[in-house]
């Protein structure tokens, strides 16, 4: 038999937690299947088509090779701008 107490003694807690498992490949396949079905039925709207194109172009923009090309282009433009400013200063000082 327990002795009555003023304070509540801590007890273990039970949780009803069911983890949600996310499978990326399964989700991609499901979305692709839905798009294929919609395309077969002719229900693919212009907004969906534009969103798909944006998604494809977005992946291309985030490609590391594209990023390197853009960086080298920026460096080249910066070099040309600096050379033009230096040439202009040199021309101004000599004339």
PDB file of N, CA and C in Angstrom:
ATOM      1  N   UNK A   1       0.828  -1.172   0.000  1.00  0.00           N
ATOM      2  CA  UNK A   1       0.000   0.000   0.000  1.00  0.00           C
ATOM      3  C   UNK A   1       0.879   1.246   0.000  1.00  0.00           C
ATOM      4  N   UNK A   2       0.445   2.260  -0.741  1.00  0.00           N
ATOM      5  CA  UNK A   2       1.226   3.482  -0.852  1.00  0.00           C
ATOM      6  C   UNK A   2       0.904   4.447   0.263  1.00  0.00           C
ATOM      7  N   UNK A   3       1.939   5.234   0.539  1.00  0.00           N
ATOM      8  CA  UNK A   3       1.753   6.301   1.507  1.00  0.00           C
ATOM      9  C   UNK A   3       1.264   7.520   0.736  1.00  0.00           C
ATOM     10  N   UNK A   4       0.202   8.151   1.164  1.00  0.00           N
ATOM     11  CA  UNK A   4      -0.267   9.329   0.457  1.00  0.00           C
ATOM     12  C   UNK A   4       0.790  10.429   0.480  1.00  0.00           C
ATOM     13  N   UNK A   5       0.893  11.137  -0.641  1.00  0.00           N
ATOM     14  CA  UNK A   5       1.917  12.165  -0.766  1.00  0.00           C
ATOM     15  C   UNK A   5       1.292  13.464  -1.247  1.00  0.00           C
ATOM     16  N   UNK A   6       1.971  14.558  -0.914  1.00  0.00           N
ATOM     17  CA  UNK A   6       1.514  15.861  -1.342  1.00  0.00           C
ATOM     18  C   UNK A   6       1.895  16.133  -2.796  1.00  0.00           C
ATOM     19  N   UNK A   7       3.010  15.549  -3.215  1.00  0.00           N
ATOM     20  CA  UNK A   7       3.533  15.771  -4.557  1.00  0.00           C
ATOM     21  C   UNK A   7       3.287  14.551  -5.426  1.00  0.00           C
ATOM     22  N   UNK A   8       3.055  14.824  -6.670  1.00  0.00           N
ATOM     23  CA  UNK A   8       2.818  13.746  -7.624  1.00  0.00           C
ATOM     24  C   UNK A   8       4.163  13.181  -8.066  1.00  0.00           C
ATOM     25  N   UNK A   9       4.320  11.893  -8.005  1.00  0.00           N
ATOM     26  CA  UNK A   9       5.577  11.276  -8.428  1.00  0.00           C
ATOM     27  C   UNK A   9       5.591  11.168  -9.943  1.00  0.00           C
ATOM     28  N   UNK A  10       6.749  11.435 -10.545  1.00  0.00           N
ATOM     29  CA  UNK A  10       6.815  11.362 -12.008  1.00  0.00           C
ATOM     30  C   UNK A  10       6.658   9.929 -12.509  1.00  0.00           C
ATOM     31  N   UNK A  11       5.908   9.784 -13.552  1.00  0.00           N
ATOM     32  CA  UNK A  11       5.715   8.469 -14.168  1.00  0.00           C
ATOM     33  C   UNK A  11       6.128   8.558 -15.642  1.00  0.00           C
ATOM     34  N   UNK A  12       6.408   7.417 -16.208  1.00  0.00           N
ATOM     35  CA  UNK A  12       6.787   7.425 -17.618  1.00  0.00           C
ATOM     36  C   UNK A  12       5.568   7.779 -18.466  1.00  0.00           C
ATOM     37  N   UNK A  13       5.857   8.454 -19.570  1.00  0.00           N
ATOM     38  CA  UNK A  13       4.786   8.878 -20.461  1.00  0.00           C
ATOM     39  C   UNK A  13       4.749   7.965 -21.674  1.00  0.00           C
ATOM     40  N   UNK A  14       3.577   7.757 -22.174  1.00  0.00           N
ATOM     41  CA  UNK A  14       3.444   6.982 -23.405  1.00  0.00           C
ATOM     42  C   UNK A  14       2.932   7.925 -24.490  1.00  0.00           C
ATOM     43  N   UNK A  15       3.498   7.774 -25.659  1.00  0.00           N
ATOM     44  CA  UNK A  15       3.126   8.614 -26.787  1.00  0.00           C
ATOM     45  C   UNK A  15       2.587   7.732 -27.899  1.00  0.00           C
ATOM     46  N   UNK A  16       1.592   8.235 -28.575  1.00  0.00           N
ATOM     47  CA  UNK A  16       1.034   7.527 -29.716  1.00  0.00           C
ATOM     48  C   UNK A  16       1.569   8.202 -30.975  1.00  0.00           C
ATOM     49  N   UNK A  17       2.841   7.973 -31.267  1.00  0.00           N
ATOM     50  CA  UNK A  17       3.520   8.622 -32.381  1.00  0.00           C
ATOM     51  C   UNK A  17       3.803   7.598 -33.464  1.00  0.00           C
ATOM     52  N   UNK A  18       3.317   7.895 -34.649  1.00  0.00           N
ATOM     53  CA  UNK A  18       3.593   7.030 -35.791  1.00  0.00           C
ATOM     54  C   UNK A  18       4.412   7.839 -36.782  1.00  0.00           C
ATOM     55  N   UNK A  19       5.657   7.471 -37.014  1.00  0.00           N
ATOM     56  CA  UNK A  19       6.502   8.268 -37.918  1.00  0.00           C
ATOM     57  C   UNK A  19       5.993   8.207 -39.355  1.00  0.00           C
ATOM     58  N   UNK A  20       6.146   9.338 -40.033  1.00  0.00           N
ATOM     59  CA  UNK A  20       5.756   9.424 -41.434  1.00  0.00           C
ATOM     60  C   UNK A  20       7.009   9.214 -42.272  1.00  0.00           C
ATOM     61  N   UNK A  21       6.954   8.263 -43.153  1.00  0.00           N
ATOM     62  CA  UNK A  21       8.112   7.949 -43.984  1.00  0.00           C
ATOM     63  C   UNK A  21       7.897   8.593 -45.347  1.00  0.00           C
ATOM     64  N   UNK A  22       8.869   9.374 -45.778  1.00  0.00           N
ATOM     65  CA  UNK A  22       8.793  10.070 -47.060  1.00  0.00           C
ATOM     66  C   UNK A  22       9.763   9.410 -48.025  1.00  0.00           C
ATOM     67  N   UNK A  23       9.243   8.901 -49.108  1.00  0.00           N
ATOM     68  CA  UNK A  23      10.068   8.280 -50.136  1.00  0.00           C
ATOM     69  C   UNK A  23      10.051   9.198 -51.356  1.00  0.00           C
ATOM     70  N   UNK A  24      11.170   9.870 -51.601  1.00  0.00           N
ATOM     71  CA  UNK A  24      11.242  10.864 -52.668  1.00  0.00           C
ATOM     72  C   UNK A  24      11.022  10.236 -54.042  1.00  0.00           C
ATOM     73  N   UNK A  25      11.625   9.085 -54.273  1.00  0.00           N
ATOM     74  CA  UNK A  25      11.479   8.434 -55.574  1.00  0.00           C
ATOM     75  C   UNK A  25      10.024   8.025 -55.821  1.00  0.00           C
ATOM     76  N   UNK A  26       9.383   7.541 -54.767  1.00  0.00           N
ATOM     77  CA  UNK A  26       7.994   7.130 -54.897  1.00  0.00           C
ATOM     78  C   UNK A  26       7.096   8.336 -55.211  1.00  0.00           C
ATOM     79  N   UNK A  27       7.361   9.463 -54.565  1.00  0.00           N
ATOM     80  CA  UNK A  27       6.592  10.682 -54.832  1.00  0.00           C
ATOM     81  C   UNK A  27       6.801  11.170 -56.266  1.00  0.00           C
ATOM     82  N   UNK A  28       8.054  11.171 -56.729  1.00  0.00           N
ATOM     83  CA  UNK A  28       8.331  11.602 -58.101  1.00  0.00           C
ATOM     84  C   UNK A  28       7.614  10.709 -59.105  1.00  0.00           C
ATOM     85  N   UNK A  29       7.652   9.390 -58.852  1.00  0.00           N
ATOM     86  CA  UNK A  29       6.993   8.450 -59.754  1.00  0.00           C
ATOM     87  C   UNK A  29       5.483   8.676 -59.756  1.00  0.00           C
ATOM     88  N   UNK A  30       4.902   8.925 -58.583  1.00  0.00           N
ATOM     89  CA  UNK A  30       3.462   9.158 -58.493  1.00  0.00           C
ATOM     90  C   UNK A  30       3.069  10.424 -59.259  1.00  0.00           C
ATOM     91  N   UNK A  31       3.852  11.498 -59.092  1.00  0.00           N
ATOM     92  CA  UNK A  31       3.556  12.748 -59.800  1.00  0.00           C
ATOM     93  C   UNK A  31       3.707  12.576 -61.309  1.00  0.00           C
ATOM     94  N   UNK A  32       4.743  11.833 -61.712  1.00  0.00           N
ATOM     95  CA  UNK A  32       4.955  11.589 -63.132  1.00  0.00           C
ATOM     96  C   UNK A  32       3.804  10.779 -63.717  1.00  0.00           C
ATOM     97  N   UNK A  33       3.345   9.768 -62.972  1.00  0.00           N
ATOM     98  CA  UNK A  33       2.207   8.972 -63.435  1.00  0.00           C
ATOM     99  C   UNK A  33       0.960   9.835 -63.595  1.00  0.00           C
ATOM    100  N   UNK A  34       0.736  10.749 -62.634  1.00  0.00           N
ATOM    101  CA  UNK A  34      -0.420  11.640 -62.728  1.00  0.00           C
ATOM    102  C   UNK A  34      -0.314  12.549 -63.951  1.00  0.00           C
ATOM    103  N   UNK A  35       0.880  13.065 -64.216  1.00  0.00           N
ATOM    104  CA  UNK A  35       1.070  13.921 -65.385  1.00  0.00           C
ATOM    105  C   UNK A  35       0.849  13.155 -66.681  1.00  0.00           C
ATOM    106  N   UNK A  36       1.334  11.922 -66.730  1.00  0.00           N
ATOM    107  CA  UNK A  36       1.164  11.105 -67.936  1.00  0.00           C
ATOM    108  C   UNK A  36      -0.321  10.834 -68.172  1.00  0.00           C
ATOM    109  N   UNK A  37      -1.046  10.497 -67.106  1.00  0.00           N
ATOM    110  CA  UNK A  37      -2.483  10.250 -67.245  1.00  0.00           C
ATOM    111  C   UNK A  37      -3.212  11.509 -67.713  1.00  0.00           C
ATOM    112  N   UNK A  38      -2.855  12.652 -67.137  1.00  0.00           N
ATOM    113  CA  UNK A  38      -3.501  13.906 -67.533  1.00  0.00           C
ATOM    114  C   UNK A  38      -3.176  14.248 -68.982  1.00  0.00           C
ATOM    115  N   UNK A  39      -1.948  13.962 -69.390  1.00  0.00           N
ATOM    116  CA  UNK A  39      -1.547  14.258 -70.764  1.00  0.00           C
ATOM    117  C   UNK A  39      -2.280  13.338 -71.741  1.00  0.00           C
ATOM    118  N   UNK A  40      -2.462  12.079 -71.358  1.00  0.00           N
ATOM    119  CA  UNK A  40      -3.183  11.150 -72.222  1.00  0.00           C
ATOM    120  C   UNK A  40      -4.632  11.581 -72.410  1.00  0.00           C
ATOM    121  N   UNK A  41      -5.220  12.096 -71.334  1.00  0.00           N
ATOM    122  CA  UNK A  41      -6.615  12.525 -71.400  1.00  0.00           C
ATOM    123  C   UNK A  41      -6.758  13.916 -72.005  1.00  0.00           C
ATOM    124  N   UNK A  42      -5.653  14.619 -72.161  1.00  0.00           N
ATOM    125  CA  UNK A  42      -5.701  15.963 -72.719  1.00  0.00           C
ATOM    126  C   UNK A  42      -6.108  17.004 -71.694  1.00  0.00           C
ATOM    127  N   UNK A  43      -5.943  16.700 -70.413  1.00  0.00           N
ATOM    128  CA  UNK A  43      -6.352  17.612 -69.349  1.00  0.00           C
ATOM    129  C   UNK A  43      -5.205  18.484 -68.850  1.00  0.00           C
ATOM    130  N   UNK A  44      -4.076  18.419 -69.488  1.00  0.00           N
ATOM    131  CA  UNK A  44      -2.911  19.173 -69.036  1.00  0.00           C
ATOM    132  C   UNK A  44      -3.100  20.641 -69.410  1.00  0.00           C
ATOM    133  N   UNK A  45      -3.182  21.502 -68.407  1.00  0.00           N
ATOM    134  CA  UNK A  45      -3.440  22.923 -68.662  1.00  0.00           C
ATOM    135  C   UNK A  45      -2.144  23.652 -69.005  1.00  0.00           C
ATOM    136  N   UNK A  46      -2.312  24.871 -69.482  1.00  0.00           N
ATOM    137  CA  UNK A  46      -1.149  25.690 -69.835  1.00  0.00           C
ATOM    138  C   UNK A  46      -0.305  26.013 -68.611  1.00  0.00           C
ATOM    139  N   UNK A  47      -0.952  26.220 -67.455  1.00  0.00           N
ATOM    140  CA  UNK A  47      -0.207  26.541 -66.242  1.00  0.00           C
ATOM    141  C   UNK A  47       0.709  25.389 -65.845  1.00  0.00           C
ATOM    142  N   UNK A  48       0.201  24.166 -65.975  1.00  0.00           N
ATOM    143  CA  UNK A  48       1.004  22.996 -65.621  1.00  0.00           C
ATOM    144  C   UNK A  48       2.182  22.866 -66.577  1.00  0.00           C
ATOM    145  N   UNK A  49       1.933  23.093 -67.859  1.00  0.00           N
ATOM    146  CA  UNK A  49       3.018  23.022 -68.838  1.00  0.00           C
ATOM    147  C   UNK A  49       4.091  24.065 -68.541  1.00  0.00           C
ATOM    148  N   UNK A  50       3.660  25.288 -68.240  1.00  0.00           N
ATOM    149  CA  UNK A  50       4.623  26.344 -67.928  1.00  0.00           C
ATOM    150  C   UNK A  50       5.395  26.028 -66.654  1.00  0.00           C
ATOM    151  N   UNK A  51       4.721  25.460 -65.669  1.00  0.00           N
ATOM    152  CA  UNK A  51       5.398  25.103 -64.420  1.00  0.00           C
ATOM    153  C   UNK A  51       6.455  24.030 -64.670  1.00  0.00           C
ATOM    154  N   UNK A  52       6.132  23.061 -65.536  1.00  0.00           N
ATOM    155  CA  UNK A  52       7.107  22.014 -65.852  1.00  0.00           C
ATOM    156  C   UNK A  52       8.326  22.601 -66.556  1.00  0.00           C
ATOM    157  N   UNK A  53       8.093  23.529 -67.485  1.00  0.00           N
ATOM    158  CA  UNK A  53       9.210  24.160 -68.203  1.00  0.00           C
ATOM    159  C   UNK A  53      10.067  24.956 -67.232  1.00  0.00           C
ATOM    160  N   UNK A  54       9.421  25.709 -66.316  1.00  0.00           N
ATOM    161  CA  UNK A  54      10.181  26.475 -65.320  1.00  0.00           C
ATOM    162  C   UNK A  54      11.012  25.557 -64.435  1.00  0.00           C
ATOM    163  N   UNK A  55      10.437  24.415 -64.082  1.00  0.00           N
ATOM    164  CA  UNK A  55      11.153  23.463 -63.232  1.00  0.00           C
ATOM    165  C   UNK A  55      12.388  22.931 -63.956  1.00  0.00           C
ATOM    166  N   UNK A  56      12.232  22.594 -65.230  1.00  0.00           N
ATOM    167  CA  UNK A  56      13.364  22.087 -66.012  1.00  0.00           C
ATOM    168  C   UNK A  56      14.438  23.155 -66.140  1.00  0.00           C
ATOM    169  N   UNK A  57      14.040  24.382 -66.455  1.00  0.00           N
ATOM    170  CA  UNK A  57      15.010  25.465 -66.588  1.00  0.00           C
ATOM    171  C   UNK A  57      15.642  25.807 -65.251  1.00  0.00           C
ATOM    172  N   UNK A  58      14.895  25.684 -64.178  1.00  0.00           N
ATOM    173  CA  UNK A  58      15.436  25.946 -62.853  1.00  0.00           C
ATOM    174  C   UNK A  58      16.545  24.973 -62.504  1.00  0.00           C
ATOM    175  N   UNK A  59      16.367  23.701 -62.867  1.00  0.00           N
ATOM    176  CA  UNK A  59      17.420  22.714 -62.619  1.00  0.00           C
ATOM    177  C   UNK A  59      18.657  23.043 -63.444  1.00  0.00           C
ATOM    178  N   UNK A  60      18.441  23.515 -64.649  1.00  0.00           N
ATOM    179  CA  UNK A  60      19.572  23.855 -65.500  1.00  0.00           C
ATOM    180  C   UNK A  60      20.333  25.046 -64.922  1.00  0.00           C
ATOM    181  N   UNK A  61      19.592  26.007 -64.362  1.00  0.00           N
ATOM    182  CA  UNK A  61      20.234  27.183 -63.782  1.00  0.00           C
ATOM    183  C   UNK A  61      21.043  26.818 -62.541  1.00  0.00           C
ATOM    184  N   UNK A  62      20.607  25.811 -61.804  1.00  0.00           N
ATOM    185  CA  UNK A  62      21.320  25.433 -60.588  1.00  0.00           C
ATOM    186  C   UNK A  62      22.447  24.439 -60.872  1.00  0.00           C
ATOM    187  N   UNK A  63      22.638  24.085 -62.134  1.00  0.00           N
ATOM    188  CA  UNK A  63      23.707  23.174 -62.517  1.00  0.00           C
ATOM    189  C   UNK A  63      25.059  23.836 -62.259  1.00  0.00           C
ATOM    190  N   UNK A  64      26.005  23.145 -61.597  1.00  0.00           N
ATOM    191  CA  UNK A  64      27.314  23.742 -61.310  1.00  0.00           C
ATOM    192  C   UNK A  64      28.074  24.181 -62.560  1.00  0.00           C
ATOM    193  N   UNK A  65      27.901  23.455 -63.666  1.00  0.00           N
ATOM    194  CA  UNK A  65      28.598  23.847 -64.894  1.00  0.00           C
ATOM    195  C   UNK A  65      28.100  25.198 -65.388  1.00  0.00           C
ATOM    196  N   UNK A  66      26.800  25.407 -65.316  1.00  0.00           N
ATOM    197  CA  UNK A  66      26.224  26.686 -65.734  1.00  0.00           C
ATOM    198  C   UNK A  66      26.709  27.799 -64.822  1.00  0.00           C
ATOM    199  N   UNK A  67      26.819  27.505 -63.536  1.00  0.00           N
ATOM    200  CA  UNK A  67      27.271  28.504 -62.566  1.00  0.00           C
ATOM    201  C   UNK A  67      28.711  28.909 -62.859  1.00  0.00           C
ATOM    202  N   UNK A  68      29.560  27.935 -63.206  1.00  0.00           N
ATOM    203  CA  UNK A  68      30.954  28.253 -63.534  1.00  0.00           C
ATOM    204  C   UNK A  68      31.033  29.127 -64.782  1.00  0.00           C
ATOM    205  N   UNK A  69      30.212  28.823 -65.784  1.00  0.00           N
ATOM    206  CA  UNK A  69      30.206  29.633 -67.010  1.00  0.00           C
ATOM    207  C   UNK A  69      29.777  31.061 -66.700  1.00  0.00           C
ATOM    208  N   UNK A  70      28.762  31.198 -65.858  1.00  0.00           N
ATOM    209  CA  UNK A  70      28.275  32.523 -65.504  1.00  0.00           C
ATOM    210  C   UNK A  70      29.343  33.292 -64.727  1.00  0.00           C
ATOM    211  N   UNK A  71      30.060  32.602 -63.827  1.00  0.00           N
ATOM    212  CA  UNK A  71      31.118  33.266 -63.066  1.00  0.00           C
ATOM    213  C   UNK A  71      32.249  33.713 -63.983  1.00  0.00           C
ATOM    214  N   UNK A  72      32.645  32.863 -64.919  1.00  0.00           N
ATOM    215  CA  UNK A  72      33.729  33.245 -65.821  1.00  0.00           C
ATOM    216  C   UNK A  72      33.294  34.409 -66.715  1.00  0.00           C
ATOM    217  N   UNK A  73      32.023  34.424 -67.121  1.00  0.00           N
ATOM    218  CA  UNK A  73      31.509  35.539 -67.916  1.00  0.00           C
ATOM    219  C   UNK A  73      31.527  36.827 -67.096  1.00  0.00           C
ATOM    220  N   UNK A  74      31.130  36.742 -65.825  1.00  0.00           N
ATOM    221  CA  UNK A  74      31.159  37.920 -64.958  1.00  0.00           C
ATOM    222  C   UNK A  74      32.584  38.426 -64.763  1.00  0.00           C
ATOM    223  N   UNK A  75      33.529  37.513 -64.596  1.00  0.00           N
ATOM    224  CA  UNK A  75      34.926  37.916 -64.434  1.00  0.00           C
ATOM    225  C   UNK A  75      35.438  38.600 -65.696  1.00  0.00           C
ATOM    226  N   UNK A  76      35.078  38.067 -66.850  1.00  0.00           N
ATOM    227  CA  UNK A  76      35.517  38.648 -68.112  1.00  0.00           C
ATOM    228  C   UNK A  76      34.929  40.049 -68.288  1.00  0.00           C
ATOM    229  N   UNK A  77      33.650  40.227 -67.968  1.00  0.00           N
ATOM    230  CA  UNK A  77      33.015  41.540 -68.087  1.00  0.00           C
ATOM    231  C   UNK A  77      33.651  42.539 -67.121  1.00  0.00           C
ATOM    232  N   UNK A  78      33.973  42.088 -65.916  1.00  0.00           N
ATOM    233  CA  UNK A  78      34.622  42.965 -64.946  1.00  0.00           C
ATOM    234  C   UNK A  78      35.995  43.389 -65.453  1.00  0.00           C
ATOM    235  N   UNK A  79      36.740  42.452 -66.024  1.00  0.00           N
ATOM    236  CA  UNK A  79      38.066  42.750 -66.561  1.00  0.00           C
ATOM    237  C   UNK A  79      37.965  43.765 -67.705  1.00  0.00           C
ATOM    238  N   UNK A  80      36.994  43.582 -68.593  1.00  0.00           N
ATOM    239  CA  UNK A  80      36.806  44.513 -69.709  1.00  0.00           C
ATOM    240  C   UNK A  80      36.449  45.902 -69.187  1.00  0.00           C
ATOM    241  N   UNK A  81      35.591  45.974 -68.169  1.00  0.00           N
ATOM    242  CA  UNK A  81      35.203  47.272 -67.608  1.00  0.00           C
ATOM    243  C   UNK A  81      36.403  47.971 -66.974  1.00  0.00           C
ATOM    244  N   UNK A  82      37.215  47.234 -66.230  1.00  0.00           N
ATOM    245  CA  UNK A  82      38.405  47.825 -65.603  1.00  0.00           C
ATOM    246  C   UNK A  82      39.381  48.308 -66.663  1.00  0.00           C
ATOM    247  N   UNK A  83      39.571  47.499 -67.708  1.00  0.00           N
ATOM    248  CA  UNK A  83      40.483  47.892 -68.783  1.00  0.00           C
ATOM    249  C   UNK A  83      39.971  49.161 -69.481  1.00  0.00           C
ATOM    250  N   UNK A  84      38.661  49.263 -69.702  1.00  0.00           N
ATOM    251  CA  UNK A  84      38.094  50.447 -70.352  1.00  0.00           C
ATOM    252  C   UNK A  84      38.295  51.681 -69.486  1.00  0.00           C
ATOM    253  N   UNK A  85      38.094  51.550 -68.171  1.00  0.00           N
ATOM    254  CA  UNK A  85      38.294  52.688 -67.266  1.00  0.00           C
ATOM    255  C   UNK A  85      39.760  53.103 -67.260  1.00  0.00           C
ATOM    256  N   UNK A  86      40.666  52.142 -67.182  1.00  0.00           N
ATOM    257  CA  UNK A  86      42.098  52.462 -67.190  1.00  0.00           C
ATOM    258  C   UNK A  86      42.508  53.107 -68.512  1.00  0.00           C
ATOM    259  N   UNK A  87      41.991  52.583 -69.620  1.00  0.00           N
ATOM    260  CA  UNK A  87      42.300  53.162 -70.917  1.00  0.00           C
ATOM    261  C   UNK A  87      41.782  54.594 -71.001  1.00  0.00           C
ATOM    262  N   UNK A  88      40.567  54.825 -70.486  1.00  0.00           N
ATOM    263  CA  UNK A  88      39.995  56.171 -70.484  1.00  0.00           C
ATOM    264  C   UNK A  88      40.824  57.127 -69.637  1.00  0.00           C
ATOM    265  N   UNK A  89      41.270  56.693 -68.464  1.00  0.00           N
ATOM    266  CA  UNK A  89      42.120  57.534 -67.613  1.00  0.00           C
ATOM    267  C   UNK A  89      43.453  57.834 -68.297  1.00  0.00           C
ATOM    268  N   UNK A  90      44.033  56.814 -68.897  1.00  0.00           N
ATOM    269  CA  UNK A  90      45.311  56.982 -69.587  1.00  0.00           C
ATOM    270  C   UNK A  90      45.160  57.991 -70.732  1.00  0.00           C
ATOM    271  N   UNK A  91      44.085  57.871 -71.501  1.00  0.00           N
ATOM    272  CA  UNK A  91      43.811  58.770 -72.625  1.00  0.00           C
ATOM    273  C   UNK A  91      43.605  60.199 -72.127  1.00  0.00           C
ATOM    274  N   UNK A  92      42.868  60.329 -71.005  1.00  0.00           N
ATOM    275  CA  UNK A  92      42.597  61.644 -70.432  1.00  0.00           C
ATOM    276  C   UNK A  92      43.886  62.300 -69.939  1.00  0.00           C
ATOM    277  N   UNK A  93      44.771  61.537 -69.324  1.00  0.00           N
ATOM    278  CA  UNK A  93      46.021  62.090 -68.792  1.00  0.00           C
ATOM    279  C   UNK A  93      46.986  62.495 -69.908  1.00  0.00           C
ATOM    280  N   UNK A  94      46.984  61.776 -71.014  1.00  0.00           N
ATOM    281  CA  UNK A  94      47.908  62.080 -72.101  1.00  0.00           C
ATOM    282  C   UNK A  94      47.415  63.216 -72.991  1.00  0.00           C
ATOM    283  N   UNK A  95      46.142  63.471 -73.028  1.00  0.00           N
ATOM    284  CA  UNK A  95      45.644  64.517 -73.922  1.00  0.00           C
ATOM    285  C   UNK A  95      45.496  65.853 -73.224  1.00  0.00           C
TER     286      UNK A  95
END
